[in-house]
């Protein structure tokens, strides 16, 4: 058992874009696997919680990519628990190069929910059994994103088999792919660093259509762009024009450097 879970991997061909560097979506895939693996190692994984009719649900996560690792670069993906805040069990992440330099930092907030009612439970009985990792902070906050006005419809996705995870809903990392797909690919390729914060509001299941709404929230003169996103279930009947349906997620993405 280790206070900090870690895995050494090599950035694969499916992890990069045309810049030859790690993509945002694959970063979140790395984080997801790191969290699941370390929870299992600590004895609080999926099977252990299921015995008491409980489950982990990711509620919020943010990642700051300071430097994007390149194809075949050896990296170390690390993850560790960091106490709790209200109903959120906090878990941090980082990605380091072979020399130990931090390339990516992340923090997530997880809910412990009752499997039958889906109601959140107090995380303290579980979190208090875990390593404290005092002072070992990757990011300092779990971002809560408010609804924004003036969003424009940028596209829609109907969830299918490959989007759905073990819990029967769209996988949290899949939404990051959807965000990428409604963002200017030139900006994504050219960005040298970036930050994405995402809040998961409600679940989407197979064959449900999610509208992807987007708006710029800041625009600098050089090397910087910022966007807000919202996923909403598509209302088929009796929906007000341009209103959309139940909010599934909210996100904010900031891209830095290399954008002209």
C-alpha atoms as a PDB file:
ATOM      1  CA  UNK A   1       0.000   0.000   0.000  1.00  0.00           C
ATOM      2  CA  UNK A   2       1.361   3.412  -0.991  1.00  0.00           C
ATOM      3  CA  UNK A   3       0.261   6.869   0.146  1.00  0.00           C
ATOM      4  CA  UNK A   4       0.725   8.003  -3.454  1.00  0.00           C
ATOM      5  CA  UNK A   5      -0.146   5.746  -6.343  1.00  0.00           C
ATOM      6  CA  UNK A   6       2.103   5.967  -9.358  1.00  0.00           C
ATOM      7  CA  UNK A   7       2.569   4.365 -12.731  1.00  0.00           C
ATOM      8  CA  UNK A   8       5.313   4.870 -15.289  1.00  0.00           C
ATOM      9  CA  UNK A   9       4.032   4.889 -18.844  1.00  0.00           C
ATOM     10  CA  UNK A  10       5.096   6.006 -22.292  1.00  0.00           C
ATOM     11  CA  UNK A  11       2.955   8.500 -24.213  1.00  0.00           C
ATOM     12  CA  UNK A  12       1.341   6.435 -26.955  1.00  0.00           C
ATOM     13  CA  UNK A  13       0.432   7.184 -30.547  1.00  0.00           C
ATOM     14  CA  UNK A  14      -3.253   7.339 -29.650  1.00  0.00           C
ATOM     15  CA  UNK A  15      -2.520   9.906 -26.936  1.00  0.00           C
ATOM     16  CA  UNK A  16      -1.238  12.720 -29.179  1.00  0.00           C
ATOM     17  CA  UNK A  17      -2.473  15.186 -31.801  1.00  0.00           C
ATOM     18  CA  UNK A  18      -0.660  16.597 -34.842  1.00  0.00           C
ATOM     19  CA  UNK A  19       1.653  18.579 -32.563  1.00  0.00           C
ATOM     20  CA  UNK A  20       3.102  15.221 -31.408  1.00  0.00           C
ATOM     21  CA  UNK A  21       2.028  16.065 -27.846  1.00  0.00           C
ATOM     22  CA  UNK A  22      -0.411  14.692 -25.282  1.00  0.00           C
ATOM     23  CA  UNK A  23      -4.037  15.746 -25.751  1.00  0.00           C
ATOM     24  CA  UNK A  24      -6.322  17.132 -23.080  1.00  0.00           C
ATOM     25  CA  UNK A  25      -8.742  14.202 -23.274  1.00  0.00           C
ATOM     26  CA  UNK A  26      -6.050  11.568 -22.854  1.00  0.00           C
ATOM     27  CA  UNK A  27      -4.762  13.455 -19.811  1.00  0.00           C
ATOM     28  CA  UNK A  28      -8.151  12.947 -18.172  1.00  0.00           C
ATOM     29  CA  UNK A  29      -8.079   9.276 -19.180  1.00  0.00           C
ATOM     30  CA  UNK A  30      -4.732   8.955 -17.387  1.00  0.00           C
ATOM     31  CA  UNK A  31      -6.173  10.599 -14.280  1.00  0.00           C
ATOM     32  CA  UNK A  32      -9.213   8.340 -14.301  1.00  0.00           C
ATOM     33  CA  UNK A  33      -7.144   5.169 -14.435  1.00  0.00           C
ATOM     34  CA  UNK A  34      -4.777   6.459 -11.759  1.00  0.00           C
ATOM     35  CA  UNK A  35      -7.652   7.188  -9.369  1.00  0.00           C
ATOM     36  CA  UNK A  36      -9.318   3.830  -9.921  1.00  0.00           C
ATOM     37  CA  UNK A  37      -6.084   1.870  -9.533  1.00  0.00           C
ATOM     38  CA  UNK A  38      -5.009   3.663  -6.372  1.00  0.00           C
ATOM     39  CA  UNK A  39      -8.453   3.353  -4.769  1.00  0.00           C
ATOM     40  CA  UNK A  40      -8.253  -0.397  -5.348  1.00  0.00           C
ATOM     41  CA  UNK A  41      -4.769  -0.489  -3.830  1.00  0.00           C
ATOM     42  CA  UNK A  42      -6.029   1.365  -0.741  1.00  0.00           C
ATOM     43  CA  UNK A  43      -8.970  -1.007  -0.308  1.00  0.00           C
ATOM     44  CA  UNK A  44     -11.674   1.532  -1.185  1.00  0.00           C
ATOM     45  CA  UNK A  45     -12.243   0.590  -4.814  1.00  0.00           C
ATOM     46  CA  UNK A  46     -15.409  -0.330  -6.626  1.00  0.00           C
ATOM     47  CA  UNK A  47     -15.838  -3.841  -5.208  1.00  0.00           C
ATOM     48  CA  UNK A  48     -15.076  -2.799  -1.623  1.00  0.00           C
ATOM     49  CA  UNK A  49     -17.661   0.013  -1.633  1.00  0.00           C
ATOM     50  CA  UNK A  50     -20.255  -2.157  -3.377  1.00  0.00           C
ATOM     51  CA  UNK A  51     -20.301  -4.441  -0.332  1.00  0.00           C
ATOM     52  CA  UNK A  52     -21.918  -1.599   1.609  1.00  0.00           C
ATOM     53  CA  UNK A  53     -24.091  -0.523  -1.343  1.00  0.00           C
ATOM     54  CA  UNK A  54     -21.951   2.544  -2.016  1.00  0.00           C
ATOM     55  CA  UNK A  55     -20.089   3.888  -5.033  1.00  0.00           C
ATOM     56  CA  UNK A  56     -17.684   6.647  -6.012  1.00  0.00           C
ATOM     57  CA  UNK A  57     -19.055   9.272  -8.410  1.00  0.00           C
ATOM     58  CA  UNK A  58     -16.780  11.941  -9.885  1.00  0.00           C
ATOM     59  CA  UNK A  59     -18.377  15.342  -9.355  1.00  0.00           C
ATOM     60  CA  UNK A  60     -15.681  17.893 -10.265  1.00  0.00           C
ATOM     61  CA  UNK A  61     -12.193  17.806 -11.703  1.00  0.00           C
ATOM     62  CA  UNK A  62      -9.636  20.282 -12.979  1.00  0.00           C
ATOM     63  CA  UNK A  63      -6.332  19.826 -14.758  1.00  0.00           C
ATOM     64  CA  UNK A  64      -3.571  22.325 -15.460  1.00  0.00           C
ATOM     65  CA  UNK A  65      -1.236  21.153 -18.206  1.00  0.00           C
ATOM     66  CA  UNK A  66       1.901  23.230 -17.789  1.00  0.00           C
ATOM     67  CA  UNK A  67       3.908  21.382 -20.425  1.00  0.00           C
ATOM     68  CA  UNK A  68       2.596  18.758 -22.836  1.00  0.00           C
ATOM     69  CA  UNK A  69       4.689  15.566 -22.932  1.00  0.00           C
ATOM     70  CA  UNK A  70       5.597  14.255 -26.389  1.00  0.00           C
ATOM     71  CA  UNK A  71       5.110  10.952 -28.182  1.00  0.00           C
ATOM     72  CA  UNK A  72       7.064   8.103 -26.557  1.00  0.00           C
ATOM     73  CA  UNK A  73       8.163  10.322 -23.683  1.00  0.00           C
ATOM     74  CA  UNK A  74       8.429   8.394 -20.416  1.00  0.00           C
ATOM     75  CA  UNK A  75       6.163   9.917 -17.793  1.00  0.00           C
ATOM     76  CA  UNK A  76       5.027   9.097 -14.262  1.00  0.00           C
ATOM     77  CA  UNK A  77       1.302   9.500 -13.498  1.00  0.00           C
ATOM     78  CA  UNK A  78       0.654   9.964  -9.779  1.00  0.00           C
ATOM     79  CA  UNK A  79      -2.543  10.190  -7.714  1.00  0.00           C
ATOM     80  CA  UNK A  80      -3.283  10.517  -4.007  1.00  0.00           C
ATOM     81  CA  UNK A  81      -6.187  11.264  -1.612  1.00  0.00           C
ATOM     82  CA  UNK A  82      -6.331  14.713   0.028  1.00  0.00           C
ATOM     83  CA  UNK A  83      -8.894  14.697   2.844  1.00  0.00           C
ATOM     84  CA  UNK A  84     -12.384  16.122   2.186  1.00  0.00           C
ATOM     85  CA  UNK A  85     -14.302  19.348   1.694  1.00  0.00           C
ATOM     86  CA  UNK A  86     -18.001  19.297   2.616  1.00  0.00           C
ATOM     87  CA  UNK A  87     -19.379  16.263   0.726  1.00  0.00           C
ATOM     88  CA  UNK A  88     -16.353  15.979  -1.569  1.00  0.00           C
ATOM     89  CA  UNK A  89     -13.551  13.496  -1.077  1.00  0.00           C
ATOM     90  CA  UNK A  90     -10.568  15.233  -2.652  1.00  0.00           C
ATOM     91  CA  UNK A  91      -8.028  13.445  -4.830  1.00  0.00           C
ATOM     92  CA  UNK A  92      -4.999  15.067  -6.448  1.00  0.00           C
ATOM     93  CA  UNK A  93      -2.925  14.108  -9.468  1.00  0.00           C
ATOM     94  CA  UNK A  94       0.227  15.042 -11.243  1.00  0.00           C
ATOM     95  CA  UNK A  95       2.233  13.889 -14.226  1.00  0.00           C
ATOM     96  CA  UNK A  96       6.027  14.119 -14.079  1.00  0.00           C
ATOM     97  CA  UNK A  97       8.779  13.614 -16.601  1.00  0.00           C
ATOM     98  CA  UNK A  98      11.632  11.150 -16.123  1.00  0.00           C
ATOM     99  CA  UNK A  99      13.646  13.797 -14.248  1.00  0.00           C
ATOM    100  CA  UNK A 100      10.801  14.412 -11.784  1.00  0.00           C
ATOM    101  CA  UNK A 101       9.640  17.750 -13.203  1.00  0.00           C
ATOM    102  CA  UNK A 102       5.887  18.341 -12.854  1.00  0.00           C
ATOM    103  CA  UNK A 103       4.171  18.636 -16.251  1.00  0.00           C
ATOM    104  CA  UNK A 104       0.503  18.395 -15.245  1.00  0.00           C
ATOM    105  CA  UNK A 105      -1.390  19.117 -12.012  1.00  0.00           C
ATOM    106  CA  UNK A 106      -4.926  18.087 -11.128  1.00  0.00           C
ATOM    107  CA  UNK A 107      -7.523  17.967  -8.365  1.00  0.00           C
ATOM    108  CA  UNK A 108     -10.876  16.196  -8.267  1.00  0.00           C
ATOM    109  CA  UNK A 109     -13.875  16.037  -5.967  1.00  0.00           C
ATOM    110  CA  UNK A 110     -15.644  12.693  -5.569  1.00  0.00           C
ATOM    111  CA  UNK A 111     -18.975  11.891  -3.964  1.00  0.00           C
ATOM    112  CA  UNK A 112     -19.757   8.710  -2.081  1.00  0.00           C
ATOM    113  CA  UNK A 113     -23.323   7.804  -3.078  1.00  0.00           C
ATOM    114  CA  UNK A 114     -25.869   5.201  -2.098  1.00  0.00           C
ATOM    115  CA  UNK A 115     -26.138   2.808  -5.054  1.00  0.00           C
ATOM    116  CA  UNK A 116     -29.905   2.449  -4.748  1.00  0.00           C
ATOM    117  CA  UNK A 117     -30.974   6.030  -4.033  1.00  0.00           C
ATOM    118  CA  UNK A 118     -28.011   7.839  -5.697  1.00  0.00           C
ATOM    119  CA  UNK A 119     -28.030  10.204  -2.726  1.00  0.00           C
ATOM    120  CA  UNK A 120     -24.619  11.496  -1.556  1.00  0.00           C
ATOM    121  CA  UNK A 121     -23.295  10.251   1.764  1.00  0.00           C
ATOM    122  CA  UNK A 122     -20.772  11.700   4.187  1.00  0.00           C
ATOM    123  CA  UNK A 123     -17.305  10.753   2.870  1.00  0.00           C
ATOM    124  CA  UNK A 124     -15.536  10.991   6.234  1.00  0.00           C
ATOM    125  CA  UNK A 125     -15.945   7.322   7.288  1.00  0.00           C
ATOM    126  CA  UNK A 126     -14.009   6.303   4.173  1.00  0.00           C
ATOM    127  CA  UNK A 127     -11.621   9.240   3.802  1.00  0.00           C
ATOM    128  CA  UNK A 128     -10.510   9.096   7.437  1.00  0.00           C
ATOM    129  CA  UNK A 129      -9.049   5.631   6.782  1.00  0.00           C
ATOM    130  CA  UNK A 130      -6.885   6.895   3.918  1.00  0.00           C
ATOM    131  CA  UNK A 131      -3.432   8.519   3.881  1.00  0.00           C
ATOM    132  CA  UNK A 132      -3.632  12.226   4.734  1.00  0.00           C
ATOM    133  CA  UNK A 133      -0.812  13.404   2.449  1.00  0.00           C
ATOM    134  CA  UNK A 134      -0.714  16.687   4.376  1.00  0.00           C
ATOM    135  CA  UNK A 135       0.807  19.522   2.373  1.00  0.00           C
ATOM    136  CA  UNK A 136       0.929  17.489  -0.822  1.00  0.00           C
ATOM    137  CA  UNK A 137      -1.313  19.670  -2.972  1.00  0.00           C
ATOM    138  CA  UNK A 138      -1.325  19.619  -6.765  1.00  0.00           C
ATOM    139  CA  UNK A 139      -4.015  22.304  -7.145  1.00  0.00           C
ATOM    140  CA  UNK A 140      -5.488  24.387  -4.361  1.00  0.00           C
ATOM    141  CA  UNK A 141      -9.184  24.320  -5.153  1.00  0.00           C
ATOM    142  CA  UNK A 142     -12.108  22.356  -6.530  1.00  0.00           C
ATOM    143  CA  UNK A 143     -13.760  24.779  -8.939  1.00  0.00           C
ATOM    144  CA  UNK A 144     -17.522  25.261  -8.814  1.00  0.00           C
ATOM    145  CA  UNK A 145     -18.769  26.608 -12.144  1.00  0.00           C
ATOM    146  CA  UNK A 146     -21.874  28.783 -12.350  1.00  0.00           C
ATOM    147  CA  UNK A 147     -24.276  28.835 -15.280  1.00  0.00           C
ATOM    148  CA  UNK A 148     -23.408  31.368 -17.984  1.00  0.00           C
ATOM    149  CA  UNK A 149     -25.559  33.350 -20.364  1.00  0.00           C
ATOM    150  CA  UNK A 150     -25.088  33.968 -24.086  1.00  0.00           C
ATOM    151  CA  UNK A 151     -23.933  30.446 -24.886  1.00  0.00           C
ATOM    152  CA  UNK A 152     -24.395  29.404 -28.518  1.00  0.00           C
ATOM    153  CA  UNK A 153     -25.198  25.910 -29.747  1.00  0.00           C
ATOM    154  CA  UNK A 154     -21.956  24.429 -31.105  1.00  0.00           C
ATOM    155  CA  UNK A 155     -23.043  20.864 -31.825  1.00  0.00           C
ATOM    156  CA  UNK A 156     -24.643  17.803 -30.339  1.00  0.00           C
ATOM    157  CA  UNK A 157     -23.711  14.203 -29.580  1.00  0.00           C
ATOM    158  CA  UNK A 158     -25.920  11.163 -29.184  1.00  0.00           C
ATOM    159  CA  UNK A 159     -24.278   8.800 -26.728  1.00  0.00           C
ATOM    160  CA  UNK A 160     -23.561   5.300 -27.982  1.00  0.00           C
ATOM    161  CA  UNK A 161     -21.965   2.091 -26.735  1.00  0.00           C
ATOM    162  CA  UNK A 162     -18.384   3.384 -26.758  1.00  0.00           C
ATOM    163  CA  UNK A 163     -19.359   6.399 -24.603  1.00  0.00           C
ATOM    164  CA  UNK A 164     -20.885   4.371 -21.766  1.00  0.00           C
ATOM    165  CA  UNK A 165     -18.941   3.137 -18.754  1.00  0.00           C
ATOM    166  CA  UNK A 166     -19.535   0.414 -16.186  1.00  0.00           C
ATOM    167  CA  UNK A 167     -22.071   2.556 -14.310  1.00  0.00           C
ATOM    168  CA  UNK A 168     -24.297   2.803 -17.385  1.00  0.00           C
ATOM    169  CA  UNK A 169     -23.768   6.475 -18.138  1.00  0.00           C
ATOM    170  CA  UNK A 170     -21.446   8.533 -20.336  1.00  0.00           C
ATOM    171  CA  UNK A 171     -17.918   8.271 -18.987  1.00  0.00           C
ATOM    172  CA  UNK A 172     -16.576  11.454 -17.415  1.00  0.00           C
ATOM    173  CA  UNK A 173     -13.519  11.572 -19.701  1.00  0.00           C
ATOM    174  CA  UNK A 174     -15.715  11.224 -22.789  1.00  0.00           C
ATOM    175  CA  UNK A 175     -17.164  14.673 -22.147  1.00  0.00           C
ATOM    176  CA  UNK A 176     -13.656  16.087 -22.471  1.00  0.00           C
ATOM    177  CA  UNK A 177     -13.464  14.572 -25.945  1.00  0.00           C
ATOM    178  CA  UNK A 178     -16.777  16.203 -26.813  1.00  0.00           C
ATOM    179  CA  UNK A 179     -15.437  19.558 -25.599  1.00  0.00           C
ATOM    180  CA  UNK A 180     -12.369  19.142 -27.803  1.00  0.00           C
ATOM    181  CA  UNK A 181     -14.567  18.368 -30.792  1.00  0.00           C
ATOM    182  CA  UNK A 182     -16.414  21.704 -30.593  1.00  0.00           C
ATOM    183  CA  UNK A 183     -13.203  23.708 -30.069  1.00  0.00           C
ATOM    184  CA  UNK A 184     -11.048  25.149 -32.847  1.00  0.00           C
ATOM    185  CA  UNK A 185      -8.558  22.336 -33.584  1.00  0.00           C
ATOM    186  CA  UNK A 186      -5.886  24.878 -34.532  1.00  0.00           C
ATOM    187  CA  UNK A 187      -6.039  26.365 -31.037  1.00  0.00           C
ATOM    188  CA  UNK A 188      -5.834  22.961 -29.378  1.00  0.00           C
ATOM    189  CA  UNK A 189      -2.854  21.877 -31.471  1.00  0.00           C
ATOM    190  CA  UNK A 190      -0.946  25.125 -30.970  1.00  0.00           C
ATOM    191  CA  UNK A 191      -1.597  25.528 -27.242  1.00  0.00           C
ATOM    192  CA  UNK A 192       1.542  24.878 -25.210  1.00  0.00           C
ATOM    193  CA  UNK A 193      -0.334  24.779 -21.924  1.00  0.00           C
ATOM    194  CA  UNK A 194      -3.994  24.644 -20.947  1.00  0.00           C
ATOM    195  CA  UNK A 195      -6.419  24.274 -18.087  1.00  0.00           C
ATOM    196  CA  UNK A 196      -9.812  22.588 -18.048  1.00  0.00           C
ATOM    197  CA  UNK A 197     -12.250  22.587 -15.144  1.00  0.00           C
ATOM    198  CA  UNK A 198     -15.411  20.521 -15.449  1.00  0.00           C
ATOM    199  CA  UNK A 199     -18.407  19.964 -13.161  1.00  0.00           C
ATOM    200  CA  UNK A 200     -20.644  16.941 -13.699  1.00  0.00           C
ATOM    201  CA  UNK A 201     -24.236  17.932 -12.957  1.00  0.00           C
ATOM    202  CA  UNK A 202     -26.347  14.978 -14.080  1.00  0.00           C
ATOM    203  CA  UNK A 203     -25.862  11.731 -15.975  1.00  0.00           C
ATOM    204  CA  UNK A 204     -26.491  10.981 -19.635  1.00  0.00           C
ATOM    205  CA  UNK A 205     -27.293   7.434 -20.660  1.00  0.00           C
ATOM    206  CA  UNK A 206     -27.020   5.526 -23.917  1.00  0.00           C
ATOM    207  CA  UNK A 207     -28.920   6.953 -26.920  1.00  0.00           C
ATOM    208  CA  UNK A 208     -29.532  10.292 -25.196  1.00  0.00           C
ATOM    209  CA  UNK A 209     -28.653  13.388 -27.199  1.00  0.00           C
ATOM    210  CA  UNK A 210     -26.599  16.077 -25.484  1.00  0.00           C
ATOM    211  CA  UNK A 211     -26.430  19.561 -26.978  1.00  0.00           C
ATOM    212  CA  UNK A 212     -23.040  21.235 -26.626  1.00  0.00           C
ATOM    213  CA  UNK A 213     -23.240  24.964 -25.931  1.00  0.00           C
ATOM    214  CA  UNK A 214     -20.212  27.242 -25.987  1.00  0.00           C
ATOM    215  CA  UNK A 215     -19.116  30.871 -25.633  1.00  0.00           C
ATOM    216  CA  UNK A 216     -15.822  32.762 -25.340  1.00  0.00           C
ATOM    217  CA  UNK A 217     -15.395  34.153 -21.845  1.00  0.00           C
ATOM    218  CA  UNK A 218     -12.057  35.913 -22.268  1.00  0.00           C
ATOM    219  CA  UNK A 219      -9.869  36.742 -25.231  1.00  0.00           C
ATOM    220  CA  UNK A 220      -6.396  38.204 -24.932  1.00  0.00           C
ATOM    221  CA  UNK A 221      -4.481  39.906 -27.697  1.00  0.00           C
ATOM    222  CA  UNK A 222      -1.945  37.113 -28.170  1.00  0.00           C
ATOM    223  CA  UNK A 223      -1.501  33.561 -27.037  1.00  0.00           C
ATOM    224  CA  UNK A 224      -4.628  33.207 -24.918  1.00  0.00           C
ATOM    225  CA  UNK A 225      -8.200  32.046 -25.389  1.00  0.00           C
ATOM    226  CA  UNK A 226     -10.875  31.015 -22.915  1.00  0.00           C
ATOM    227  CA  UNK A 227     -14.231  29.306 -23.417  1.00  0.00           C
ATOM    228  CA  UNK A 228     -17.224  28.213 -21.368  1.00  0.00           C
ATOM    229  CA  UNK A 229     -19.156  25.061 -22.268  1.00  0.00           C
ATOM    230  CA  UNK A 230     -22.369  23.460 -21.175  1.00  0.00           C
ATOM    231  CA  UNK A 231     -23.850  20.110 -22.097  1.00  0.00           C
ATOM    232  CA  UNK A 232     -27.642  19.899 -22.019  1.00  0.00           C
ATOM    233  CA  UNK A 233     -29.930  16.995 -22.734  1.00  0.00           C
ATOM    234  CA  UNK A 234     -31.888  17.754 -25.856  1.00  0.00           C
ATOM    235  CA  UNK A 235     -35.580  18.381 -25.293  1.00  0.00           C
ATOM    236  CA  UNK A 236     -37.579  16.692 -28.015  1.00  0.00           C
ATOM    237  CA  UNK A 237     -41.045  17.867 -27.054  1.00  0.00           C
ATOM    238  CA  UNK A 238     -42.432  21.101 -25.605  1.00  0.00           C
ATOM    239  CA  UNK A 239     -39.022  22.745 -25.276  1.00  0.00           C
ATOM    240  CA  UNK A 240     -38.704  26.547 -25.522  1.00  0.00           C
ATOM    241  CA  UNK A 241     -36.670  27.619 -28.539  1.00  0.00           C
ATOM    242  CA  UNK A 242     -32.899  27.611 -27.822  1.00  0.00           C
ATOM    243  CA  UNK A 243     -33.547  26.634 -24.216  1.00  0.00           C
ATOM    244  CA  UNK A 244     -32.072  23.159 -24.201  1.00  0.00           C
ATOM    245  CA  UNK A 245     -32.817  20.643 -21.452  1.00  0.00           C
ATOM    246  CA  UNK A 246     -31.323  19.305 -18.242  1.00  0.00           C
ATOM    247  CA  UNK A 247     -27.751  20.408 -17.688  1.00  0.00           C
ATOM    248  CA  UNK A 248     -25.320  17.481 -17.828  1.00  0.00           C
ATOM    249  CA  UNK A 249     -22.009  19.306 -17.351  1.00  0.00           C
ATOM    250  CA  UNK A 250     -20.385  22.724 -17.227  1.00  0.00           C
ATOM    251  CA  UNK A 251     -16.768  23.383 -18.140  1.00  0.00           C
ATOM    252  CA  UNK A 252     -14.245  26.149 -18.692  1.00  0.00           C
ATOM    253  CA  UNK A 253     -11.166  25.788 -20.875  1.00  0.00           C
ATOM    254  CA  UNK A 254      -8.170  28.126 -21.038  1.00  0.00           C
ATOM    255  CA  UNK A 255      -5.505  27.819 -23.689  1.00  0.00           C
ATOM    256  CA  UNK A 256      -2.127  29.514 -23.341  1.00  0.00           C
ATOM    257  CA  UNK A 257       0.742  30.386 -25.680  1.00  0.00           C
ATOM    258  CA  UNK A 258       1.358  29.486 -29.280  1.00  0.00           C
ATOM    259  CA  UNK A 259      -2.008  30.811 -30.479  1.00  0.00           C
ATOM    260  CA  UNK A 260      -1.910  33.599 -33.030  1.00  0.00           C
END
